[in-house]
Amino acid sequence: MLLVRGRAAGTALTGTLYEPGERAPTFRGAPDGSAPYTWVCDGFYEVESGGQVQRVGDRELRIAFEEPLPRGFETRERALDAAKAHVRTQFARIGVEENEVDIEVLHADEAEA
């Protein structure tokens, strides 16, 4: 299991990439299990009211979260490319330039250490 984490403007977003042989979570909308790699990560966007207050850089925003976005991929390279793009896109949705997002890929056991 790999974690793909983006950090920018004082906050972070982490998604999970399940590799062959690992059991990805099952829920409505999840890939059918035939893809060897499964990417799961929340989506979020700014709202005017409601949501969760989050400090992003020097701004306070109200953020609403979407259901996790599960996607299946045939190769690790495609899965990681899509995971990184997804994380950058979430930051862009709240006004953070994609090139300001630092992406790191960790094995889940490295993140716990």
Protein backbone atom coordinates (compact mmCIF):
# COMPACT_ATOMS: atom_id res chain seq x y z
CA MET A 1 0.00 0.00 0.00
CA LEU A 2 1.32 3.38 -1.00
CA LEU A 3 0.34 6.77 0.37
CA VAL A 4 0.41 9.73 -2.01
CA ARG A 5 0.57 12.95 -0.01
CA GLY A 6 0.44 16.52 -1.24
CA ARG A 7 1.45 19.45 0.95
CA ALA A 8 0.93 23.12 0.23
CA ALA A 9 -0.12 26.32 1.97
CA GLY A 10 0.17 24.76 5.42
CA THR A 11 -2.15 21.81 4.82
CA ALA A 12 -1.97 18.31 3.36
CA LEU A 13 -4.05 15.71 1.54
CA THR A 14 -3.22 12.00 1.50
CA GLY A 15 -4.74 9.26 -0.64
CA THR A 16 -4.10 5.52 -0.72
CA LEU A 17 -2.93 3.39 -3.63
CA TYR A 18 -3.64 -0.31 -3.14
CA GLU A 19 -1.25 -2.59 -5.02
CA PRO A 20 -1.75 -6.11 -6.41
CA GLY A 21 -2.55 -8.61 -3.67
CA GLU A 22 -3.83 -5.95 -1.26
CA ARG A 23 -7.52 -5.71 -0.46
CA ALA A 24 -8.89 -2.32 -1.45
CA PRO A 25 -11.97 -1.14 0.45
CA THR A 26 -15.31 -2.11 -1.00
CA PHE A 27 -18.12 0.39 -1.17
CA ARG A 28 -20.57 1.74 -3.70
CA GLY A 29 -18.66 3.08 -6.70
CA ALA A 30 -15.43 1.22 -5.93
CA PRO A 31 -13.69 -0.53 -8.84
CA ASP A 32 -14.81 -4.12 -9.36
CA GLY A 33 -11.52 -5.57 -8.19
CA SER A 34 -10.24 -6.62 -11.59
CA ALA A 35 -7.75 -3.72 -11.78
CA PRO A 36 -4.47 -4.52 -10.03
CA TYR A 37 -4.07 -0.97 -8.65
CA THR A 38 -6.83 0.97 -6.89
CA TRP A 39 -6.54 4.65 -5.97
CA VAL A 40 -8.82 6.04 -3.23
CA CYS A 41 -8.80 9.66 -2.10
CA ASP A 42 -11.26 12.32 -0.95
CA GLY A 43 -12.14 15.23 -3.13
CA PHE A 44 -12.86 18.67 -1.71
CA TYR A 45 -13.84 22.17 -2.77
CA GLU A 46 -14.52 25.58 -1.26
CA VAL A 47 -18.06 26.53 -0.18
CA GLU A 48 -19.51 29.80 1.07
CA SER A 49 -21.33 28.31 4.05
CA GLY A 50 -21.24 25.05 5.93
CA GLY A 51 -18.31 22.73 5.39
CA GLN A 52 -15.26 22.56 7.59
CA VAL A 53 -13.13 25.63 8.33
CA GLN A 54 -9.58 25.09 7.12
CA ARG A 55 -6.61 27.45 7.15
CA VAL A 56 -4.88 27.44 3.76
CA GLY A 57 -1.89 29.75 3.64
CA ASP A 58 -3.05 33.11 4.94
CA ARG A 59 -6.74 32.43 4.21
CA GLU A 60 -9.51 30.71 6.13
CA LEU A 61 -11.75 28.69 3.84
CA ARG A 62 -14.85 26.58 4.27
CA ILE A 63 -14.18 23.20 2.68
CA ALA A 64 -16.74 20.57 1.72
CA PHE A 65 -15.61 17.00 1.13
CA GLU A 66 -16.86 14.64 -1.55
CA GLU A 67 -17.06 10.88 -1.27
CA PRO A 68 -13.74 9.15 -1.92
CA LEU A 69 -12.87 8.79 -5.58
CA PRO A 70 -11.96 5.14 -6.22
CA ARG A 71 -10.30 4.40 -9.54
CA GLY A 72 -8.72 1.26 -10.94
CA PHE A 73 -5.54 1.13 -13.04
CA GLU A 74 -3.64 -1.54 -14.92
CA THR A 75 -0.12 -0.25 -14.16
CA ARG A 76 1.62 1.28 -11.18
CA GLU A 77 2.92 4.16 -13.33
CA ARG A 78 -0.55 5.13 -14.52
CA ALA A 79 -1.95 4.82 -11.01
CA LEU A 80 0.74 7.05 -9.51
CA ASP A 81 0.40 9.64 -12.30
CA ALA A 82 -3.36 9.79 -11.72
CA ALA A 83 -2.93 9.94 -7.93
CA LYS A 84 -0.51 12.87 -8.16
CA ALA A 85 -2.78 14.68 -10.63
CA HIS A 86 -5.78 14.12 -8.34
CA VAL A 87 -3.98 15.58 -5.32
CA ARG A 88 -2.78 18.62 -7.29
CA THR A 89 -6.30 19.16 -8.67
CA GLN A 90 -7.81 19.22 -5.18
CA PHE A 91 -5.43 21.98 -4.14
CA ALA A 92 -6.16 23.90 -7.36
CA ARG A 93 -9.88 23.75 -6.51
CA ILE A 94 -9.18 25.86 -3.41
CA GLY A 95 -6.87 28.34 -5.12
CA VAL A 96 -3.44 26.76 -4.61
CA GLU A 97 -1.28 26.67 -7.74
CA GLU A 98 -0.53 23.10 -8.79
CA ASN A 99 3.22 23.83 -8.97
CA GLU A 100 3.16 24.83 -5.27
CA VAL A 101 2.08 21.34 -4.19
CA ASP A 102 4.87 19.08 -2.95
CA ILE A 103 4.05 15.44 -3.61
CA GLU A 104 5.58 12.50 -1.77
CA VAL A 105 4.95 8.79 -2.21
CA LEU A 106 5.45 6.59 0.84
CA HIS A 107 4.92 2.95 1.66
CA ALA A 108 2.26 2.82 4.36
CA ASP A 109 4.71 1.28 6.87
CA GLU A 110 7.13 4.21 6.31
CA ALA A 111 4.38 6.71 7.15
CA GLU A 112 3.70 5.01 10.49
CA ALA A 113 7.35 5.14 11.58
